[in-house]
Amino acid sequence: MSKFNEVKNGISRRNSLWDKLVFSKIQNSLGGKVRLMITGAAPISTSVLTFFRAAMGCPVFEAYGQTECTAGCTITSPGDWSAGHVGTPVACNFVKLEDVADMNYFSVNNEGEICIKGNNVFQGYLKDPEKTQEALDKDGWLHTGDIGRWLPNGTLKIIDRKKNIFKLAQGEYIAPEKIENVYTRSRPVLQVFIHGESLRSFLVGVVVPDPDSLPSFAAKIGVKGSFEELCQNQSVKEAILQDLQKIGKDGGLKSFEQVKGILVHPEPFSIENGLLTPTLKAKRVELAKFFQTQIKSLYESIQE
């Protein structure tokens, strides 16, 4: 039985042959004494979560929440080593799903916007009553902007995003953060920003490559050079676009959710350059303004 099969069957240990030959090196790189891990803040794929559970030989729990509810509101349970969900509500709060008719999500189908109520929910944003009113309803429910689905075993699965959605010219709803989370699985990609406009029928993107992975990725298509030269190389750009589209298809993205063109940008988005929030979330308005000229050129170079 492989270590991965053991994980899927609920077995967590560090004394297997695989631990001695391979995984002990990973465990020792973190001090060799890690007994429990929790992942949150961003989605984690089933394959990555399973790998961590096998490699670390300890329970790895997946949690979901927001700063506004003191970080966590759901977490996976001990003994449940399945993946693809964020567990059940924690003891201090309630979770409900509310209809989002525009996106065809209804609570009668166990789908809707995730709302949280409990002692861990904040009282409001400092000196910002308008934003507070958007987040908290009159009954004290925090509206997260995330779309969830209750699974048959009572766990919650995050399936979409309500906030930051926009429409394309033909009426399709786009949740850019969902697409970005899929695209960042691409090996040469460090960061990605998805952009769309209501008068355009397709999406474009800005990709910041991973400086550690890009050289080997480019070498596979016969291209060598400095990091800056690789970012400007047309063949590298086309290869990254093809990889994104493959990752997107494998990740279940619909055809209209796939980018048709990308800009490769060498400098990472950061708090310092004003393109990320203090919690490392993309500042979408600022990003659109920052790359306005390049995005316009990108659209003009692609046939509708």
C-alpha atoms as a PDB file:
ATOM      1  CA  MET A   1       0.000   0.000   0.000  1.00  0.00           C
ATOM      2  CA  SER A   2       1.470   3.398  -1.008  1.00  0.00           C
ATOM      3  CA  LYS A   3       1.648   6.292   1.430  1.00  0.00           C
ATOM      4  CA  PHE A   4      -1.066   8.110  -0.536  1.00  0.00           C
ATOM      5  CA  ASN A   5      -3.435   5.166  -0.227  1.00  0.00           C
ATOM      6  CA  GLU A   6      -2.742   5.078   3.510  1.00  0.00           C
ATOM      7  CA  VAL A   7      -3.719   8.754   3.763  1.00  0.00           C
ATOM      8  CA  LYS A   8      -6.962   8.140   1.874  1.00  0.00           C
ATOM      9  CA  ASN A   9      -7.725   5.321   4.315  1.00  0.00           C
ATOM     10  CA  GLY A  10      -7.122   7.540   7.347  1.00  0.00           C
ATOM     11  CA  ILE A  11      -3.672   6.218   8.273  1.00  0.00           C
ATOM     12  CA  SER A  12      -1.225   8.900   9.427  1.00  0.00           C
ATOM     13  CA  ARG A  13       2.297   7.747  10.341  1.00  0.00           C
ATOM     14  CA  ARG A  14       6.002   8.528   9.888  1.00  0.00           C
ATOM     15  CA  ASN A  15       7.618   5.112  10.094  1.00  0.00           C
ATOM     16  CA  SER A  16       6.854   3.723   6.643  1.00  0.00           C
ATOM     17  CA  LEU A  17       9.494   2.807   4.070  1.00  0.00           C
ATOM     18  CA  TRP A  18       8.508   5.906   2.098  1.00  0.00           C
ATOM     19  CA  ASP A  19       9.179   8.075   5.155  1.00  0.00           C
ATOM     20  CA  LYS A  20      12.657   6.616   5.587  1.00  0.00           C
ATOM     21  CA  LEU A  21      13.546   6.946   1.903  1.00  0.00           C
ATOM     22  CA  VAL A  22      11.859  10.217   0.894  1.00  0.00           C
ATOM     23  CA  PHE A  23       9.515  12.039   3.242  1.00  0.00           C
ATOM     24  CA  SER A  24      11.823  12.266   6.277  1.00  0.00           C
ATOM     25  CA  LYS A  25      13.845  14.860   4.359  1.00  0.00           C
ATOM     26  CA  ILE A  26      10.755  17.047   3.991  1.00  0.00           C
ATOM     27  CA  GLN A  27       9.776  16.519   7.629  1.00  0.00           C
ATOM     28  CA  ASN A  28      13.272  17.382   8.851  1.00  0.00           C
ATOM     29  CA  SER A  29      13.356  20.552   6.740  1.00  0.00           C
ATOM     30  CA  LEU A  30      10.592  21.861   9.046  1.00  0.00           C
ATOM     31  CA  GLY A  31      12.334  20.707  12.214  1.00  0.00           C
ATOM     32  CA  GLY A  32      11.070  17.131  12.312  1.00  0.00           C
ATOM     33  CA  LYS A  33       8.555  17.810  15.093  1.00  0.00           C
ATOM     34  CA  VAL A  34       5.464  19.020  13.217  1.00  0.00           C
ATOM     35  CA  ARG A  35       2.463  17.118  14.586  1.00  0.00           C
ATOM     36  CA  LEU A  36      -0.428  19.092  13.096  1.00  0.00           C
ATOM     37  CA  MET A  37      -0.942  21.529  10.219  1.00  0.00           C
ATOM     38  CA  ILE A  38      -3.833  23.788   9.191  1.00  0.00           C
ATOM     39  CA  THR A  39      -4.246  25.294   5.727  1.00  0.00           C
ATOM     40  CA  GLY A  40      -6.424  28.300   4.994  1.00  0.00           C
ATOM     41  CA  ALA A  41      -6.545  31.761   3.366  1.00  0.00           C
ATOM     42  CA  ALA A  42      -6.636  30.301  -0.165  1.00  0.00           C
ATOM     43  CA  PRO A  43      -7.953  27.124  -1.825  1.00  0.00           C
ATOM     44  CA  ILE A  44      -5.726  24.050  -1.856  1.00  0.00           C
ATOM     45  CA  SER A  45      -6.102  21.375  -4.515  1.00  0.00           C
ATOM     46  CA  THR A  46      -6.948  17.792  -3.566  1.00  0.00           C
ATOM     47  CA  SER A  47      -3.620  16.515  -4.906  1.00  0.00           C
ATOM     48  CA  VAL A  48      -1.562  19.059  -2.934  1.00  0.00           C
ATOM     49  CA  LEU A  49      -3.497  18.426   0.292  1.00  0.00           C
ATOM     50  CA  THR A  50      -3.072  14.662  -0.076  1.00  0.00           C
ATOM     51  CA  PHE A  51       0.647  15.127  -0.742  1.00  0.00           C
ATOM     52  CA  PHE A  52       1.122  17.228   2.407  1.00  0.00           C
ATOM     53  CA  ARG A  53      -0.699  14.649   4.520  1.00  0.00           C
ATOM     54  CA  ALA A  54       1.511  11.891   3.131  1.00  0.00           C
ATOM     55  CA  ALA A  55       4.768  13.851   3.227  1.00  0.00           C
ATOM     56  CA  MET A  56       4.354  15.283   6.729  1.00  0.00           C
ATOM     57  CA  GLY A  57       2.897  12.121   8.283  1.00  0.00           C
ATOM     58  CA  CYS A  58       0.543  14.166  10.452  1.00  0.00           C
ATOM     59  CA  PRO A  59      -3.032  15.484  10.325  1.00  0.00           C
ATOM     60  CA  VAL A  60      -3.468  18.401   7.917  1.00  0.00           C
ATOM     61  CA  PHE A  61      -6.782  20.204   8.424  1.00  0.00           C
ATOM     62  CA  GLU A  62      -8.397  22.579   5.950  1.00  0.00           C
ATOM     63  CA  ALA A  63     -10.133  25.644   7.392  1.00  0.00           C
ATOM     64  CA  TYR A  64     -12.252  28.426   5.937  1.00  0.00           C
ATOM     65  CA  GLY A  65     -13.030  31.897   7.203  1.00  0.00           C
ATOM     66  CA  GLN A  66     -12.305  35.600   6.971  1.00  0.00           C
ATOM     67  CA  THR A  67     -10.648  38.285   9.060  1.00  0.00           C
ATOM     68  CA  GLU A  68     -14.168  39.547   9.801  1.00  0.00           C
ATOM     69  CA  CYS A  69     -15.035  36.332  11.665  1.00  0.00           C
ATOM     70  CA  THR A  70     -11.745  36.063  13.578  1.00  0.00           C
ATOM     71  CA  ALA A  71     -10.166  33.933  10.849  1.00  0.00           C
ATOM     72  CA  GLY A  72     -11.976  30.588  11.014  1.00  0.00           C
ATOM     73  CA  CYS A  73     -15.633  29.571  10.793  1.00  0.00           C
ATOM     74  CA  THR A  74     -15.333  25.988   9.480  1.00  0.00           C
ATOM     75  CA  ILE A  75     -12.639  23.302   9.722  1.00  0.00           C
ATOM     76  CA  THR A  76     -12.273  19.684   8.725  1.00  0.00           C
ATOM     77  CA  SER A  77     -12.696  17.093  11.475  1.00  0.00           C
ATOM     78  CA  PRO A  78     -10.173  14.633  12.965  1.00  0.00           C
ATOM     79  CA  GLY A  79     -10.614  11.284  11.278  1.00  0.00           C
ATOM     80  CA  ASP A  80     -12.009  12.760   8.060  1.00  0.00           C
ATOM     81  CA  TRP A  81      -9.134  12.617   5.602  1.00  0.00           C
ATOM     82  CA  SER A  82     -11.208  13.204   2.488  1.00  0.00           C
ATOM     83  CA  ALA A  83     -10.416  16.334   0.467  1.00  0.00           C
ATOM     84  CA  GLY A  84     -12.372  18.872  -1.556  1.00  0.00           C
ATOM     85  CA  HIS A  85     -14.254  20.552   1.300  1.00  0.00           C
ATOM     86  CA  VAL A  86     -13.591  22.877   4.256  1.00  0.00           C
ATOM     87  CA  GLY A  87     -15.293  20.841   6.968  1.00  0.00           C
ATOM     88  CA  THR A  88     -18.127  21.772   9.304  1.00  0.00           C
ATOM     89  CA  PRO A  89     -18.914  24.967  11.279  1.00  0.00           C
ATOM     90  CA  VAL A  90     -16.861  25.575  14.421  1.00  0.00           C
ATOM     91  CA  ALA A  91     -18.698  25.595  17.755  1.00  0.00           C
ATOM     92  CA  CYS A  92     -18.850  29.379  18.177  1.00  0.00           C
ATOM     93  CA  ASN A  93     -20.754  30.224  14.990  1.00  0.00           C
ATOM     94  CA  PHE A  94     -23.633  29.298  12.704  1.00  0.00           C
ATOM     95  CA  VAL A  95     -23.321  29.048   8.925  1.00  0.00           C
ATOM     96  CA  LYS A  96     -26.151  29.386   6.408  1.00  0.00           C
ATOM     97  CA  LEU A  97     -26.406  29.651   2.621  1.00  0.00           C
ATOM     98  CA  GLU A  98     -28.432  32.486   1.109  1.00  0.00           C
ATOM     99  CA  ASP A  99     -29.913  32.606  -2.406  1.00  0.00           C
ATOM    100  CA  VAL A 100     -27.943  34.349  -5.165  1.00  0.00           C
ATOM    101  CA  ALA A 101     -30.568  34.353  -7.899  1.00  0.00           C
ATOM    102  CA  ASP A 102     -28.442  36.186 -10.491  1.00  0.00           C
ATOM    103  CA  MET A 103     -25.906  33.366 -10.423  1.00  0.00           C
ATOM    104  CA  ASN A 104     -28.542  30.621 -10.206  1.00  0.00           C
ATOM    105  CA  TYR A 105     -27.586  29.504  -6.695  1.00  0.00           C
ATOM    106  CA  PHE A 106     -30.478  28.655  -4.352  1.00  0.00           C
ATOM    107  CA  SER A 107     -30.472  27.408  -0.768  1.00  0.00           C
ATOM    108  CA  VAL A 108     -33.140  24.797  -1.600  1.00  0.00           C
ATOM    109  CA  ASN A 109     -30.419  23.158  -3.704  1.00  0.00           C
ATOM    110  CA  ASN A 110     -27.948  23.452  -0.797  1.00  0.00           C
ATOM    111  CA  GLU A 111     -26.090  26.215  -2.641  1.00  0.00           C
ATOM    112  CA  GLY A 112     -25.748  29.937  -1.999  1.00  0.00           C
ATOM    113  CA  GLU A 113     -23.716  32.752  -0.464  1.00  0.00           C
ATOM    114  CA  ILE A 114     -22.010  31.716   2.776  1.00  0.00           C
ATOM    115  CA  CYS A 115     -23.252  33.773   5.740  1.00  0.00           C
ATOM    116  CA  ILE A 116     -21.817  33.543   9.265  1.00  0.00           C
ATOM    117  CA  LYS A 117     -23.257  34.519  12.640  1.00  0.00           C
ATOM    118  CA  GLY A 118     -21.689  34.068  16.074  1.00  0.00           C
ATOM    119  CA  ASN A 119     -19.516  35.498  18.822  1.00  0.00           C
ATOM    120  CA  ASN A 120     -16.514  35.437  16.495  1.00  0.00           C
ATOM    121  CA  VAL A 121     -18.106  37.803  13.949  1.00  0.00           C
ATOM    122  CA  PHE A 122     -16.800  41.370  14.070  1.00  0.00           C
ATOM    123  CA  GLN A 123     -18.904  44.413  14.984  1.00  0.00           C
ATOM    124  CA  GLY A 124     -17.948  46.481  11.957  1.00  0.00           C
ATOM    125  CA  TYR A 125     -15.191  48.315  10.109  1.00  0.00           C
ATOM    126  CA  LEU A 126     -13.569  51.195  11.982  1.00  0.00           C
ATOM    127  CA  LYS A 127     -15.161  54.520  10.986  1.00  0.00           C
ATOM    128  CA  ASP A 128     -16.703  52.971   7.859  1.00  0.00           C
ATOM    129  CA  PRO A 129     -20.451  52.465   8.438  1.00  0.00           C
ATOM    130  CA  GLU A 130     -21.204  52.127   4.718  1.00  0.00           C
ATOM    131  CA  LYS A 131     -18.850  49.192   4.259  1.00  0.00           C
ATOM    132  CA  THR A 132     -20.073  47.701   7.549  1.00  0.00           C
ATOM    133  CA  GLN A 133     -23.656  47.808   6.288  1.00  0.00           C
ATOM    134  CA  GLU A 134     -22.596  45.951   3.137  1.00  0.00           C
ATOM    135  CA  ALA A 135     -20.959  43.156   5.141  1.00  0.00           C
ATOM    136  CA  LEU A 136     -23.393  42.785   8.084  1.00  0.00           C
ATOM    137  CA  ASP A 137     -27.170  42.562   7.693  1.00  0.00           C
ATOM    138  CA  LYS A 138     -29.673  43.758  10.328  1.00  0.00           C
ATOM    139  CA  ASP A 139     -29.762  40.297  11.942  1.00  0.00           C
ATOM    140  CA  GLY A 140     -26.002  40.157  12.433  1.00  0.00           C
ATOM    141  CA  TRP A 141     -25.148  37.760   9.591  1.00  0.00           C
ATOM    142  CA  LEU A 142     -21.785  38.340   7.931  1.00  0.00           C
ATOM    143  CA  HIS A 143     -22.089  38.045   4.142  1.00  0.00           C
ATOM    144  CA  THR A 144     -18.788  36.605   2.955  1.00  0.00           C
ATOM    145  CA  GLY A 145     -19.185  36.967  -0.797  1.00  0.00           C
ATOM    146  CA  ASP A 146     -18.195  33.312  -1.232  1.00  0.00           C
ATOM    147  CA  ILE A 147     -20.548  30.727  -2.727  1.00  0.00           C
ATOM    148  CA  GLY A 148     -20.756  27.375  -0.943  1.00  0.00           C
ATOM    149  CA  ARG A 149     -22.479  24.020  -1.253  1.00  0.00           C
ATOM    150  CA  TRP A 150     -23.500  21.674   1.561  1.00  0.00           C
ATOM    151  CA  LEU A 151     -22.295  18.155   0.771  1.00  0.00           C
ATOM    152  CA  PRO A 152     -24.282  15.049   1.805  1.00  0.00           C
ATOM    153  CA  ASN A 153     -21.949  14.423   4.761  1.00  0.00           C
ATOM    154  CA  GLY A 154     -22.643  17.893   6.212  1.00  0.00           C
ATOM    155  CA  THR A 155     -19.383  19.501   5.141  1.00  0.00           C
ATOM    156  CA  LEU A 156     -19.080  22.760   3.229  1.00  0.00           C
ATOM    157  CA  LYS A 157     -17.490  23.088  -0.201  1.00  0.00           C
ATOM    158  CA  ILE A 158     -16.472  26.453  -1.662  1.00  0.00           C
ATOM    159  CA  ILE A 159     -17.626  26.522  -5.285  1.00  0.00           C
ATOM    160  CA  ASP A 160     -17.671  30.139  -6.482  1.00  0.00           C
ATOM    161  CA  ARG A 161     -17.288  33.784  -5.610  1.00  0.00           C
ATOM    162  CA  LYS A 162     -19.982  36.467  -5.509  1.00  0.00           C
ATOM    163  CA  LYS A 163     -17.813  39.503  -4.849  1.00  0.00           C
ATOM    164  CA  ASN A 164     -15.760  40.982  -7.694  1.00  0.00           C
ATOM    165  CA  ILE A 165     -17.883  39.217 -10.314  1.00  0.00           C
ATOM    166  CA  PHE A 166     -18.534  40.955 -13.619  1.00  0.00           C
ATOM    167  CA  LYS A 167     -20.318  40.257 -16.900  1.00  0.00           C
ATOM    168  CA  LEU A 168     -18.847  39.820 -20.354  1.00  0.00           C
ATOM    169  CA  ALA A 169     -20.488  41.225 -23.483  1.00  0.00           C
ATOM    170  CA  GLN A 170     -22.645  38.135 -24.018  1.00  0.00           C
ATOM    171  CA  GLY A 171     -23.907  38.058 -20.427  1.00  0.00           C
ATOM    172  CA  GLU A 172     -21.675  35.382 -18.897  1.00  0.00           C
ATOM    173  CA  TYR A 173     -20.818  35.955 -15.224  1.00  0.00           C
ATOM    174  CA  ILE A 174     -17.108  35.851 -14.409  1.00  0.00           C
ATOM    175  CA  ALA A 175     -15.597  35.244 -10.952  1.00  0.00           C
ATOM    176  CA  PRO A 176     -11.953  36.228 -11.583  1.00  0.00           C
ATOM    177  CA  GLU A 177     -10.617  34.973  -8.253  1.00  0.00           C
ATOM    178  CA  LYS A 178     -11.872  31.471  -8.981  1.00  0.00           C
ATOM    179  CA  ILE A 179     -10.051  31.488 -12.322  1.00  0.00           C
ATOM    180  CA  GLU A 180      -6.884  32.906 -10.765  1.00  0.00           C
ATOM    181  CA  ASN A 181      -6.869  30.169  -8.128  1.00  0.00           C
ATOM    182  CA  VAL A 182      -6.952  27.554 -10.898  1.00  0.00           C
ATOM    183  CA  TYR A 183      -4.301  29.229 -13.036  1.00  0.00           C
ATOM    184  CA  THR A 184      -1.790  29.550 -10.192  1.00  0.00           C
ATOM    185  CA  ARG A 185      -1.463  25.752 -10.338  1.00  0.00           C
ATOM    186  CA  SER A 186       0.583  26.288 -13.501  1.00  0.00           C
ATOM    187  CA  ARG A 187       4.230  25.569 -12.705  1.00  0.00           C
ATOM    188  CA  PRO A 188       5.791  28.677 -14.297  1.00  0.00           C
ATOM    189  CA  VAL A 189       3.188  31.040 -12.776  1.00  0.00           C
ATOM    190  CA  LEU A 190       3.803  32.944  -9.541  1.00  0.00           C
ATOM    191  CA  GLN A 191       0.886  35.405  -9.736  1.00  0.00           C
ATOM    192  CA  VAL A 192      -1.934  36.071 -12.187  1.00  0.00           C
ATOM    193  CA  PHE A 193      -4.530  38.813 -12.616  1.00  0.00           C
ATOM    194  CA  ILE A 194      -7.639  38.127 -14.714  1.00  0.00           C
ATOM    195  CA  HIS A 195      -9.324  41.064 -16.446  1.00  0.00           C
ATOM    196  CA  GLY A 196     -12.576  41.376 -18.373  1.00  0.00           C
ATOM    197  CA  GLU A 197     -14.848  44.150 -19.597  1.00  0.00           C
ATOM    198  CA  SER A 198     -18.588  44.364 -20.198  1.00  0.00           C
ATOM    199  CA  LEU A 199     -18.070  45.377 -23.839  1.00  0.00           C
ATOM    200  CA  ARG A 200     -15.631  42.528 -24.526  1.00  0.00           C
ATOM    201  CA  SER A 201     -16.517  38.894 -25.120  1.00  0.00           C
ATOM    202  CA  PHE A 202     -13.348  37.342 -23.684  1.00  0.00           C
ATOM    203  CA  LEU A 203     -10.824  37.565 -20.856  1.00  0.00           C
ATOM    204  CA  VAL A 204      -7.171  38.554 -20.791  1.00  0.00           C
ATOM    205  CA  GLY A 205      -4.624  38.183 -18.027  1.00  0.00           C
ATOM    206  CA  VAL A 206      -1.412  39.510 -16.532  1.00  0.00           C
ATOM    207  CA  VAL A 207       1.024  36.780 -15.500  1.00  0.00           C
ATOM    208  CA  VAL A 208       4.003  37.185 -13.190  1.00  0.00           C
ATOM    209  CA  PRO A 209       6.257  34.142 -13.764  1.00  0.00           C
ATOM    210  CA  ASP A 210       8.056  32.262 -11.016  1.00  0.00           C
ATOM    211  CA  PRO A 211      11.765  33.145 -11.426  1.00  0.00           C
ATOM    212  CA  ASP A 212      12.770  29.730 -10.063  1.00  0.00           C
ATOM    213  CA  SER A 213      10.563  27.735 -12.454  1.00  0.00           C
ATOM    214  CA  LEU A 214      10.542  29.834 -15.631  1.00  0.00           C
ATOM    215  CA  PRO A 215      14.090  28.986 -16.869  1.00  0.00           C
ATOM    216  CA  SER A 216      13.491  25.213 -16.834  1.00  0.00           C
ATOM    217  CA  PHE A 217      10.013  25.700 -18.330  1.00  0.00           C
ATOM    218  CA  ALA A 218      11.478  27.800 -21.157  1.00  0.00           C
ATOM    219  CA  ALA A 219      14.343  25.356 -21.710  1.00  0.00           C
ATOM    220  CA  LYS A 220      11.815  22.647 -22.586  1.00  0.00           C
ATOM    221  CA  ILE A 221      10.787  24.685 -25.628  1.00  0.00           C
ATOM    222  CA  GLY A 222      14.394  25.515 -26.491  1.00  0.00           C
ATOM    223  CA  VAL A 223      14.531  29.056 -25.131  1.00  0.00           C
ATOM    224  CA  LYS A 224      17.279  30.362 -22.850  1.00  0.00           C
ATOM    225  CA  GLY A 225      18.114  33.773 -21.445  1.00  0.00           C
ATOM    226  CA  SER A 226      17.835  35.991 -18.399  1.00  0.00           C
ATOM    227  CA  PHE A 227      14.572  36.183 -16.474  1.00  0.00           C
ATOM    228  CA  GLU A 228      13.732  39.538 -18.093  1.00  0.00           C
ATOM    229  CA  GLU A 229      14.536  38.181 -21.572  1.00  0.00           C
ATOM    230  CA  LEU A 230      12.333  35.130 -21.007  1.00  0.00           C
ATOM    231  CA  CYS A 231       9.455  37.369 -19.894  1.00  0.00           C
ATOM    232  CA  GLN A 232       9.695  39.265 -23.198  1.00  0.00           C
ATOM    233  CA  ASN A 233      10.030  36.169 -25.391  1.00  0.00           C
ATOM    234  CA  GLN A 234       6.971  35.527 -27.575  1.00  0.00           C
ATOM    235  CA  SER A 235       7.460  31.739 -27.622  1.00  0.00           C
ATOM    236  CA  VAL A 236       7.602  31.646 -23.822  1.00  0.00           C
ATOM    237  CA  LYS A 237       4.443  33.757 -23.594  1.00  0.00           C
ATOM    238  CA  GLU A 238       2.596  31.421 -25.962  1.00  0.00           C
ATOM    239  CA  ALA A 239       3.783  28.368 -24.011  1.00  0.00           C
ATOM    240  CA  ILE A 240       2.581  29.884 -20.723  1.00  0.00           C
ATOM    241  CA  LEU A 241      -0.804  30.698 -22.307  1.00  0.00           C
ATOM    242  CA  GLN A 242      -1.151  27.123 -23.562  1.00  0.00           C
ATOM    243  CA  ASP A 243      -0.247  25.778 -20.127  1.00  0.00           C
ATOM    244  CA  LEU A 244      -2.821  28.052 -18.470  1.00  0.00           C
ATOM    245  CA  GLN A 245      -5.522  26.886 -20.859  1.00  0.00           C
ATOM    246  CA  LYS A 246      -4.636  23.237 -20.214  1.00  0.00           C
ATOM    247  CA  ILE A 247      -4.647  23.794 -16.437  1.00  0.00           C
ATOM    248  CA  GLY A 248      -7.950  25.641 -16.792  1.00  0.00           C
ATOM    249  CA  LYS A 249      -9.558  22.832 -18.762  1.00  0.00           C
ATOM    250  CA  ASP A 250      -8.323  20.242 -16.266  1.00  0.00           C
ATOM    251  CA  GLY A 251      -9.601  22.484 -13.455  1.00  0.00           C
ATOM    252  CA  GLY A 252     -13.129  22.579 -14.873  1.00  0.00           C
ATOM    253  CA  LEU A 253     -13.163  26.117 -16.260  1.00  0.00           C
ATOM    254  CA  LYS A 254     -15.729  26.817 -18.970  1.00  0.00           C
ATOM    255  CA  SER A 255     -14.533  28.055 -22.353  1.00  0.00           C
ATOM    256  CA  PHE A 256     -15.594  31.653 -21.634  1.00  0.00           C
ATOM    257  CA  GLU A 257     -13.625  31.530 -18.349  1.00  0.00           C
ATOM    258  CA  GLN A 258     -10.360  30.888 -20.196  1.00  0.00           C
ATOM    259  CA  VAL A 259      -8.042  33.778 -21.089  1.00  0.00           C
ATOM    260  CA  LYS A 260      -7.391  34.401 -24.777  1.00  0.00           C
ATOM    261  CA  GLY A 261      -4.290  36.475 -24.279  1.00  0.00           C
ATOM    262  CA  ILE A 262      -1.758  37.344 -21.584  1.00  0.00           C
ATOM    263  CA  LEU A 263       0.837  39.928 -20.690  1.00  0.00           C
ATOM    264  CA  VAL A 264       3.964  38.539 -19.022  1.00  0.00           C
ATOM    265  CA  HIS A 265       5.198  40.961 -16.357  1.00  0.00           C
ATOM    266  CA  PRO A 266       8.501  40.377 -14.502  1.00  0.00           C
ATOM    267  CA  GLU A 267       7.775  42.347 -11.302  1.00  0.00           C
ATOM    268  CA  PRO A 268       5.563  40.650  -8.644  1.00  0.00           C
ATOM    269  CA  PHE A 269       2.455  42.349  -7.302  1.00  0.00           C
ATOM    270  CA  SER A 270       3.243  43.503  -3.769  1.00  0.00           C
ATOM    271  CA  ILE A 271       2.088  45.673  -0.886  1.00  0.00           C
ATOM    272  CA  GLU A 272       5.011  48.012  -1.611  1.00  0.00           C
ATOM    273  CA  ASN A 273       3.970  48.745  -5.207  1.00  0.00           C
ATOM    274  CA  GLY A 274       0.350  49.174  -4.152  1.00  0.00           C
ATOM    275  CA  LEU A 275      -1.048  46.168  -6.021  1.00  0.00           C
ATOM    276  CA  LEU A 276      -1.763  43.948  -2.986  1.00  0.00           C
ATOM    277  CA  THR A 277      -3.667  44.610   0.234  1.00  0.00           C
ATOM    278  CA  PRO A 278      -1.986  44.070   3.649  1.00  0.00           C
ATOM    279  CA  THR A 279      -3.600  40.589   3.647  1.00  0.00           C
ATOM    280  CA  LEU A 280      -1.994  39.887   0.236  1.00  0.00           C
ATOM    281  CA  LYS A 281      -5.240  40.080  -1.748  1.00  0.00           C
ATOM    282  CA  ALA A 282      -5.179  41.599  -5.227  1.00  0.00           C
ATOM    283  CA  LYS A 283      -6.220  45.244  -5.505  1.00  0.00           C
ATOM    284  CA  ARG A 284      -8.252  44.734  -8.653  1.00  0.00           C
ATOM    285  CA  VAL A 285      -9.007  48.383  -9.417  1.00  0.00           C
ATOM    286  CA  GLU A 286      -5.373  49.388  -8.952  1.00  0.00           C
ATOM    287  CA  LEU A 287      -4.163  46.466 -11.084  1.00  0.00           C
ATOM    288  CA  ALA A 288      -6.551  47.394 -13.904  1.00  0.00           C
ATOM    289  CA  LYS A 289      -5.312  51.000 -13.808  1.00  0.00           C
ATOM    290  CA  PHE A 290      -1.648  49.990 -13.568  1.00  0.00           C
ATOM    291  CA  PHE A 291      -1.859  47.754 -16.664  1.00  0.00           C
ATOM    292  CA  GLN A 292      -4.479  49.840 -18.500  1.00  0.00           C
ATOM    293  CA  THR A 293      -2.318  50.597 -21.553  1.00  0.00           C
ATOM    294  CA  GLN A 294      -1.040  47.030 -21.938  1.00  0.00           C
ATOM    295  CA  ILE A 295      -4.527  45.550 -21.470  1.00  0.00           C
ATOM    296  CA  LYS A 296      -5.915  47.840 -24.176  1.00  0.00           C
ATOM    297  CA  SER A 297      -3.145  46.771 -26.563  1.00  0.00           C
ATOM    298  CA  LEU A 298      -3.777  43.127 -25.696  1.00  0.00           C
ATOM    299  CA  TYR A 299      -7.456  43.406 -26.569  1.00  0.00           C
ATOM    300  CA  GLU A 300      -6.679  45.201 -29.825  1.00  0.00           C
ATOM    301  CA  SER A 301      -4.270  42.442 -30.874  1.00  0.00           C
ATOM    302  CA  ILE A 302      -6.834  39.646 -30.452  1.00  0.00           C
ATOM    303  CA  GLN A 303      -9.750  38.966 -32.778  1.00  0.00           C
ATOM    304  CA  GLU A 304     -13.183  39.012 -31.096  1.00  0.00           C
END
